[in-house]
Amino acid sequence: MSTYLVINILTIGFPLILSFDKKVAFYKLWRYLFPAIFITATTFIVWDVVFTNRGIWYFNKSHLSGLYIFNLPVEEILFFITIPYASVFTYEVLNIYIKRDILQKYQSIISLIIILLLSIIGIINLEKLYTSITFFATAIFLFIADFILHKKFLSRFYLAYVIILFPFLLVNGILTGSFLNEPVVIYNNAEILGLRLFTIPVEDAFYGILLFLCNVFLFEEFRKNRKLSK
């Protein structure tokens, strides 16, 4: 079994089992979650294919099964299912167990700081495609969600992301070689800032925000529309 496949299985295994916990009953929300994952995954897979074909990143064959879809390792396709599932599960669990929205009054301040920071760095580094595209896409999505659509779930999203950062560092650390002799995913240094959290390009932290946010945004939209239709 490939290293990358094992990572995917371990990522989704625990949240999947706990989805049937009586208090959480996350399985009842699959009808909102899976469409969100499918739509988001489709977008990110297209992005992934383009970046892989341009050599912005590539994959170490020694850690893969050898099965490919759209020129991507099948494990990379699964990544866009397992990571969002685990992330949205964590977000929902925190909503159930932490009733008070502790970041509510700071939501727009946090959003504004991230938007300004990413926009400035993106403008300065236009030639670095992973940096600029990731930072601009994340900044634009946050601006739309907070300052145009006024989505109140962002404060809870930020709290969940802080919690998710710990397993994120573990999973991405393995993928980028923190605990292996060689990385699973290899980045073209010309397309990134060169700043790393251990072995993880700093861009991955904001790529993770965007991936997580897209899934939560659609998950909440589908859930809200279901309630309105009743």
C-alpha atoms as a PDB file:
ATOM      1  CA  MET A   1       0.000   0.000   0.000  1.00  0.00           C
ATOM      2  CA  SER A   2       1.381   3.402  -0.974  1.00  0.00           C
ATOM      3  CA  THR A   3       2.449   5.970   1.626  1.00  0.00           C
ATOM      4  CA  TYR A   4       0.038   8.551   0.237  1.00  0.00           C
ATOM      5  CA  LEU A   5      -2.882   6.105   0.341  1.00  0.00           C
ATOM      6  CA  VAL A   6      -2.139   5.245   3.971  1.00  0.00           C
ATOM      7  CA  ILE A   7      -2.175   8.967   4.797  1.00  0.00           C
ATOM      8  CA  ASN A   8      -5.603   9.321   3.167  1.00  0.00           C
ATOM      9  CA  ILE A   9      -7.004   6.336   5.051  1.00  0.00           C
ATOM     10  CA  LEU A  10      -5.694   7.532   8.414  1.00  0.00           C
ATOM     11  CA  THR A  11      -7.026  11.048   7.741  1.00  0.00           C
ATOM     12  CA  ILE A  12     -10.601   9.976   7.155  1.00  0.00           C
ATOM     13  CA  GLY A  13     -10.742   6.850   9.328  1.00  0.00           C
ATOM     14  CA  PHE A  14     -11.273   8.395  12.755  1.00  0.00           C
ATOM     15  CA  PRO A  15     -13.783  11.107  11.633  1.00  0.00           C
ATOM     16  CA  LEU A  16     -15.701   8.529   9.583  1.00  0.00           C
ATOM     17  CA  ILE A  17     -16.110   6.199  12.574  1.00  0.00           C
ATOM     18  CA  LEU A  18     -17.117   9.066  14.884  1.00  0.00           C
ATOM     19  CA  SER A  19     -19.670  10.281  12.314  1.00  0.00           C
ATOM     20  CA  PHE A  20     -22.059   7.718  13.804  1.00  0.00           C
ATOM     21  CA  ASP A  21     -21.699   9.020  17.372  1.00  0.00           C
ATOM     22  CA  LYS A  22     -25.195   9.709  18.694  1.00  0.00           C
ATOM     23  CA  LYS A  23     -24.537  13.298  19.788  1.00  0.00           C
ATOM     24  CA  VAL A  24     -22.747  14.333  16.597  1.00  0.00           C
ATOM     25  CA  ALA A  25     -24.668  12.126  14.109  1.00  0.00           C
ATOM     26  CA  PHE A  26     -22.585  13.614  11.328  1.00  0.00           C
ATOM     27  CA  TYR A  27     -23.802  10.971   8.891  1.00  0.00           C
ATOM     28  CA  LYS A  28     -27.156  12.766   8.828  1.00  0.00           C
ATOM     29  CA  LEU A  29     -25.399  15.754   7.225  1.00  0.00           C
ATOM     30  CA  TRP A  30     -23.809  13.784   4.382  1.00  0.00           C
ATOM     31  CA  ARG A  31     -26.534  15.010   1.998  1.00  0.00           C
ATOM     32  CA  TYR A  32     -25.108  18.535   2.424  1.00  0.00           C
ATOM     33  CA  LEU A  33     -21.470  17.533   2.739  1.00  0.00           C
ATOM     34  CA  PHE A  34     -20.928  15.285  -0.268  1.00  0.00           C
ATOM     35  CA  PRO A  35     -22.261  17.749  -2.863  1.00  0.00           C
ATOM     36  CA  ALA A  36     -19.992  20.387  -1.292  1.00  0.00           C
ATOM     37  CA  ILE A  37     -17.009  18.057  -1.494  1.00  0.00           C
ATOM     38  CA  PHE A  38     -17.793  17.082  -5.092  1.00  0.00           C
ATOM     39  CA  ILE A  39     -18.081  20.675  -6.336  1.00  0.00           C
ATOM     40  CA  THR A  40     -14.988  21.842  -4.479  1.00  0.00           C
ATOM     41  CA  ALA A  41     -12.948  18.776  -5.426  1.00  0.00           C
ATOM     42  CA  THR A  42     -13.783  19.250  -9.103  1.00  0.00           C
ATOM     43  CA  THR A  43     -12.450  22.822  -9.007  1.00  0.00           C
ATOM     44  CA  PHE A  44      -9.302  21.920  -7.084  1.00  0.00           C
ATOM     45  CA  ILE A  45      -8.574  18.883  -9.248  1.00  0.00           C
ATOM     46  CA  VAL A  46      -8.636  21.073 -12.371  1.00  0.00           C
ATOM     47  CA  TRP A  47      -6.245  23.461 -10.600  1.00  0.00           C
ATOM     48  CA  ASP A  48      -4.082  20.499  -9.582  1.00  0.00           C
ATOM     49  CA  VAL A  49      -3.921  19.113 -13.124  1.00  0.00           C
ATOM     50  CA  VAL A  50      -2.844  22.489 -14.535  1.00  0.00           C
ATOM     51  CA  PHE A  51      -0.168  23.010 -11.869  1.00  0.00           C
ATOM     52  CA  THR A  52       1.137  19.461 -12.230  1.00  0.00           C
ATOM     53  CA  ASN A  53       1.372  19.815 -16.007  1.00  0.00           C
ATOM     54  CA  ARG A  54       3.239  23.121 -15.585  1.00  0.00           C
ATOM     55  CA  GLY A  55       5.712  21.540 -13.181  1.00  0.00           C
ATOM     56  CA  ILE A  56       4.734  23.714 -10.222  1.00  0.00           C
ATOM     57  CA  TRP A  57       4.640  20.539  -8.159  1.00  0.00           C
ATOM     58  CA  TYR A  58       5.059  16.858  -8.880  1.00  0.00           C
ATOM     59  CA  PHE A  59       4.773  13.526  -7.092  1.00  0.00           C
ATOM     60  CA  ASN A  60       7.330  11.014  -5.912  1.00  0.00           C
ATOM     61  CA  LYS A  61       6.435   7.727  -7.615  1.00  0.00           C
ATOM     62  CA  SER A  62       8.050   5.660  -4.852  1.00  0.00           C
ATOM     63  CA  HIS A  63       5.222   6.710  -2.496  1.00  0.00           C
ATOM     64  CA  LEU A  64       2.353   6.138  -4.960  1.00  0.00           C
ATOM     65  CA  SER A  65       0.269   3.168  -6.093  1.00  0.00           C
ATOM     66  CA  GLY A  66       0.896   3.927  -9.762  1.00  0.00           C
ATOM     67  CA  LEU A  67      -2.778   4.547 -10.573  1.00  0.00           C
ATOM     68  CA  TYR A  68      -3.525   7.877 -12.259  1.00  0.00           C
ATOM     69  CA  ILE A  69      -6.655   9.856 -13.153  1.00  0.00           C
ATOM     70  CA  PHE A  70      -6.342  13.018 -15.284  1.00  0.00           C
ATOM     71  CA  ASN A  71      -2.566  12.687 -14.964  1.00  0.00           C
ATOM     72  CA  LEU A  72      -2.894  12.862 -11.168  1.00  0.00           C
ATOM     73  CA  PRO A  73      -2.132  10.029  -8.737  1.00  0.00           C
ATOM     74  CA  VAL A  74      -5.379   8.505  -7.509  1.00  0.00           C
ATOM     75  CA  GLU A  75      -4.171   9.310  -3.987  1.00  0.00           C
ATOM     76  CA  GLU A  76      -4.140  13.005  -4.883  1.00  0.00           C
ATOM     77  CA  ILE A  77      -7.769  12.750  -6.031  1.00  0.00           C
ATOM     78  CA  LEU A  78      -8.672  11.084  -2.734  1.00  0.00           C
ATOM     79  CA  PHE A  79      -6.922  13.928  -0.871  1.00  0.00           C
ATOM     80  CA  PHE A  80      -9.735  16.266  -1.961  1.00  0.00           C
ATOM     81  CA  ILE A  81     -12.253  13.929  -0.323  1.00  0.00           C
ATOM     82  CA  THR A  82     -10.510  12.794   2.851  1.00  0.00           C
ATOM     83  CA  ILE A  83      -9.136  16.168   3.960  1.00  0.00           C
ATOM     84  CA  PRO A  84     -12.422  18.070   3.458  1.00  0.00           C
ATOM     85  CA  TYR A  85     -14.391  15.314   5.173  1.00  0.00           C
ATOM     86  CA  ALA A  86     -12.149  15.393   8.233  1.00  0.00           C
ATOM     87  CA  SER A  87     -12.081  19.211   8.244  1.00  0.00           C
ATOM     88  CA  VAL A  88     -15.838  19.782   7.987  1.00  0.00           C
ATOM     89  CA  PHE A  89     -16.395  17.024  10.549  1.00  0.00           C
ATOM     90  CA  THR A  90     -14.108  18.890  12.972  1.00  0.00           C
ATOM     91  CA  TYR A  91     -15.915  22.167  12.221  1.00  0.00           C
ATOM     92  CA  GLU A  92     -19.298  20.583  12.959  1.00  0.00           C
ATOM     93  CA  VAL A  93     -18.120  18.854  16.147  1.00  0.00           C
ATOM     94  CA  LEU A  94     -16.773  22.147  17.489  1.00  0.00           C
ATOM     95  CA  ASN A  95     -20.112  23.816  16.701  1.00  0.00           C
ATOM     96  CA  ILE A  96     -21.895  21.150  18.744  1.00  0.00           C
ATOM     97  CA  TYR A  97     -19.586  21.123  21.740  1.00  0.00           C
ATOM     98  CA  ILE A  98     -18.632  24.819  21.867  1.00  0.00           C
ATOM     99  CA  LYS A  99     -21.901  26.718  21.953  1.00  0.00           C
ATOM    100  CA  ARG A 100     -20.428  30.187  22.414  1.00  0.00           C
ATOM    101  CA  ASP A 101     -19.143  31.857  19.264  1.00  0.00           C
ATOM    102  CA  ILE A 102     -15.965  33.155  20.893  1.00  0.00           C
ATOM    103  CA  LEU A 103     -14.511  34.808  17.779  1.00  0.00           C
ATOM    104  CA  GLN A 104     -17.713  36.427  16.519  1.00  0.00           C
ATOM    105  CA  LYS A 105     -16.783  40.036  17.320  1.00  0.00           C
ATOM    106  CA  TYR A 106     -13.317  39.566  15.821  1.00  0.00           C
ATOM    107  CA  GLN A 107     -14.469  37.871  12.611  1.00  0.00           C
ATOM    108  CA  SER A 108     -14.183  40.816  10.224  1.00  0.00           C
ATOM    109  CA  ILE A 109     -10.919  42.006  11.771  1.00  0.00           C
ATOM    110  CA  ILE A 110      -9.383  38.573  11.242  1.00  0.00           C
ATOM    111  CA  SER A 111     -10.722  38.468   7.689  1.00  0.00           C
ATOM    112  CA  LEU A 112      -9.394  41.935   6.890  1.00  0.00           C
ATOM    113  CA  ILE A 113      -5.921  41.160   8.225  1.00  0.00           C
ATOM    114  CA  ILE A 114      -5.704  37.957   6.178  1.00  0.00           C
ATOM    115  CA  ILE A 115      -7.058  39.642   3.044  1.00  0.00           C
ATOM    116  CA  LEU A 116      -4.607  42.565   3.246  1.00  0.00           C
ATOM    117  CA  LEU A 117      -1.640  40.331   4.072  1.00  0.00           C
ATOM    118  CA  LEU A 118      -2.331  37.901   1.236  1.00  0.00           C
ATOM    119  CA  SER A 119      -3.068  40.665  -1.266  1.00  0.00           C
ATOM    120  CA  ILE A 120       0.180  42.519  -0.536  1.00  0.00           C
ATOM    121  CA  ILE A 121       2.313  39.382  -0.670  1.00  0.00           C
ATOM    122  CA  GLY A 122       0.510  38.225  -3.817  1.00  0.00           C
ATOM    123  CA  ILE A 123       1.162  41.535  -5.602  1.00  0.00           C
ATOM    124  CA  ILE A 124       4.840  41.483  -4.641  1.00  0.00           C
ATOM    125  CA  ASN A 125       5.226  37.903  -5.889  1.00  0.00           C
ATOM    126  CA  LEU A 126       3.182  37.832  -9.088  1.00  0.00           C
ATOM    127  CA  GLU A 127       5.832  35.732 -10.855  1.00  0.00           C
ATOM    128  CA  LYS A 128       5.478  32.913  -8.306  1.00  0.00           C
ATOM    129  CA  LEU A 129       2.337  31.169  -9.509  1.00  0.00           C
ATOM    130  CA  TYR A 130       1.574  29.005  -6.485  1.00  0.00           C
ATOM    131  CA  THR A 131       2.052  31.959  -4.153  1.00  0.00           C
ATOM    132  CA  SER A 132       0.140  34.560  -6.141  1.00  0.00           C
ATOM    133  CA  ILE A 133      -2.784  32.409  -7.281  1.00  0.00           C
ATOM    134  CA  THR A 134      -3.299  30.828  -3.859  1.00  0.00           C
ATOM    135  CA  PHE A 135      -3.048  34.119  -1.990  1.00  0.00           C
ATOM    136  CA  PHE A 136      -5.310  36.054  -4.377  1.00  0.00           C
ATOM    137  CA  ALA A 137      -7.920  33.277  -4.544  1.00  0.00           C
ATOM    138  CA  THR A 138      -8.046  32.989  -0.749  1.00  0.00           C
ATOM    139  CA  ALA A 139      -8.220  36.771  -0.271  1.00  0.00           C
ATOM    140  CA  ILE A 140     -11.008  37.169  -2.846  1.00  0.00           C
ATOM    141  CA  PHE A 141     -13.065  34.307  -1.421  1.00  0.00           C
ATOM    142  CA  LEU A 142     -12.743  35.677   2.111  1.00  0.00           C
ATOM    143  CA  PHE A 143     -13.687  39.178   0.963  1.00  0.00           C
ATOM    144  CA  ILE A 144     -16.807  37.901  -0.794  1.00  0.00           C
ATOM    145  CA  ALA A 145     -17.837  35.641   2.095  1.00  0.00           C
ATOM    146  CA  ASP A 146     -17.355  38.245   4.843  1.00  0.00           C
ATOM    147  CA  PHE A 147     -17.836  41.699   3.343  1.00  0.00           C
ATOM    148  CA  ILE A 148     -20.299  41.023   0.520  1.00  0.00           C
ATOM    149  CA  LEU A 149     -22.306  37.984   1.632  1.00  0.00           C
ATOM    150  CA  HIS A 150     -21.791  38.659   5.378  1.00  0.00           C
ATOM    151  CA  LYS A 151     -21.487  34.994   6.304  1.00  0.00           C
ATOM    152  CA  LYS A 152     -21.605  34.635  10.083  1.00  0.00           C
ATOM    153  CA  PHE A 153     -20.089  31.151  10.135  1.00  0.00           C
ATOM    154  CA  LEU A 154     -16.606  32.536   9.398  1.00  0.00           C
ATOM    155  CA  SER A 155     -15.842  33.120  13.074  1.00  0.00           C
ATOM    156  CA  ARG A 156     -16.485  29.449  13.789  1.00  0.00           C
ATOM    157  CA  PHE A 157     -14.554  28.526  10.659  1.00  0.00           C
ATOM    158  CA  TYR A 158     -11.508  30.396  11.979  1.00  0.00           C
ATOM    159  CA  LEU A 159     -11.706  28.582  15.311  1.00  0.00           C
ATOM    160  CA  ALA A 160     -11.968  25.234  13.549  1.00  0.00           C
ATOM    161  CA  TYR A 161      -9.018  26.062  11.324  1.00  0.00           C
ATOM    162  CA  VAL A 162      -6.819  26.818  14.342  1.00  0.00           C
ATOM    163  CA  ILE A 163      -7.681  23.376  15.739  1.00  0.00           C
ATOM    164  CA  ILE A 164      -7.158  21.724  12.357  1.00  0.00           C
ATOM    165  CA  LEU A 165      -3.693  23.279  12.032  1.00  0.00           C
ATOM    166  CA  PHE A 166      -2.220  20.612  14.302  1.00  0.00           C
ATOM    167  CA  PRO A 167      -3.254  17.573  12.210  1.00  0.00           C
ATOM    168  CA  PHE A 168      -2.577  19.718   9.114  1.00  0.00           C
ATOM    169  CA  LEU A 169       1.057  20.106  10.142  1.00  0.00           C
ATOM    170  CA  LEU A 170       1.301  16.356  10.670  1.00  0.00           C
ATOM    171  CA  VAL A 171      -0.315  15.310   7.372  1.00  0.00           C
ATOM    172  CA  ASN A 172       1.337  17.968   5.231  1.00  0.00           C
ATOM    173  CA  GLY A 173       4.574  17.399   7.066  1.00  0.00           C
ATOM    174  CA  ILE A 174       4.563  13.762   5.983  1.00  0.00           C
ATOM    175  CA  LEU A 175       3.610  14.681   2.415  1.00  0.00           C
ATOM    176  CA  THR A 176       6.465  17.178   2.193  1.00  0.00           C
ATOM    177  CA  GLY A 177       9.024  14.890   3.786  1.00  0.00           C
ATOM    178  CA  SER A 178       9.152  15.780   7.502  1.00  0.00           C
ATOM    179  CA  PHE A 179       9.094  12.147   8.622  1.00  0.00           C
ATOM    180  CA  LEU A 180      10.242  10.387   5.440  1.00  0.00           C
ATOM    181  CA  ASN A 181      13.541   9.967   3.655  1.00  0.00           C
ATOM    182  CA  GLU A 182      12.042  11.846   0.710  1.00  0.00           C
ATOM    183  CA  PRO A 183       8.819  13.846   0.181  1.00  0.00           C
ATOM    184  CA  VAL A 184       5.645  12.552  -1.442  1.00  0.00           C
ATOM    185  CA  VAL A 185       4.891  15.940  -3.023  1.00  0.00           C
ATOM    186  CA  ILE A 186       7.778  17.996  -4.405  1.00  0.00           C
ATOM    187  CA  TYR A 187       7.444  21.738  -5.093  1.00  0.00           C
ATOM    188  CA  ASN A 188       9.185  23.837  -7.721  1.00  0.00           C
ATOM    189  CA  ASN A 189      11.100  26.368  -5.587  1.00  0.00           C
ATOM    190  CA  ALA A 190      10.792  29.000  -8.329  1.00  0.00           C
ATOM    191  CA  GLU A 191       6.997  29.078  -7.812  1.00  0.00           C
ATOM    192  CA  ILE A 192       6.916  29.495  -4.007  1.00  0.00           C
ATOM    193  CA  LEU A 193       8.208  32.006  -1.456  1.00  0.00           C
ATOM    194  CA  GLY A 194      10.672  29.520  -0.010  1.00  0.00           C
ATOM    195  CA  LEU A 195       9.339  30.031   3.534  1.00  0.00           C
ATOM    196  CA  ARG A 196       8.485  26.721   5.177  1.00  0.00           C
ATOM    197  CA  LEU A 197       6.787  25.468   8.342  1.00  0.00           C
ATOM    198  CA  PHE A 198       9.219  22.631   8.969  1.00  0.00           C
ATOM    199  CA  THR A 199       9.117  21.121   5.448  1.00  0.00           C
ATOM    200  CA  ILE A 200       5.736  22.620   4.482  1.00  0.00           C
ATOM    201  CA  PRO A 201       5.652  25.591   2.073  1.00  0.00           C
ATOM    202  CA  VAL A 202       3.858  28.450   3.823  1.00  0.00           C
ATOM    203  CA  GLU A 203       1.528  28.659   0.819  1.00  0.00           C
ATOM    204  CA  ASP A 204       0.014  25.313   1.836  1.00  0.00           C
ATOM    205  CA  ALA A 205      -1.428  26.882   4.993  1.00  0.00           C
ATOM    206  CA  PHE A 206      -3.498  29.318   2.899  1.00  0.00           C
ATOM    207  CA  TYR A 207      -4.267  26.711   0.243  1.00  0.00           C
ATOM    208  CA  GLY A 208      -5.698  24.742   3.175  1.00  0.00           C
ATOM    209  CA  ILE A 209      -7.807  27.710   4.260  1.00  0.00           C
ATOM    210  CA  LEU A 210      -9.237  28.027   0.763  1.00  0.00           C
ATOM    211  CA  LEU A 211      -9.953  24.298   0.417  1.00  0.00           C
ATOM    212  CA  PHE A 212     -11.575  24.138   3.855  1.00  0.00           C
ATOM    213  CA  LEU A 213     -13.530  27.372   3.355  1.00  0.00           C
ATOM    214  CA  CYS A 214     -14.962  26.325  -0.015  1.00  0.00           C
ATOM    215  CA  ASN A 215     -16.263  23.118   1.523  1.00  0.00           C
ATOM    216  CA  VAL A 216     -17.713  24.793   4.624  1.00  0.00           C
ATOM    217  CA  PHE A 217     -19.268  27.571   2.534  1.00  0.00           C
ATOM    218  CA  LEU A 218     -21.109  25.111   0.267  1.00  0.00           C
ATOM    219  CA  PHE A 219     -21.946  22.799   3.170  1.00  0.00           C
ATOM    220  CA  GLU A 220     -23.620  25.676   5.018  1.00  0.00           C
ATOM    221  CA  GLU A 221     -25.382  26.897   1.874  1.00  0.00           C
ATOM    222  CA  PHE A 222     -26.866  23.476   1.140  1.00  0.00           C
ATOM    223  CA  ARG A 223     -27.933  23.092   4.760  1.00  0.00           C
ATOM    224  CA  LYS A 224     -29.531  26.558   4.825  1.00  0.00           C
ATOM    225  CA  ASN A 225     -31.392  25.999   1.560  1.00  0.00           C
ATOM    226  CA  ARG A 226     -32.737  22.695   2.867  1.00  0.00           C
ATOM    227  CA  LYS A 227     -34.099  24.442   5.957  1.00  0.00           C
ATOM    228  CA  LEU A 228     -35.666  27.236   3.896  1.00  0.00           C
ATOM    229  CA  SER A 229     -37.396  24.745   1.605  1.00  0.00           C
ATOM    230  CA  LYS A 230     -39.186  23.069   4.509  1.00  0.00           C
END
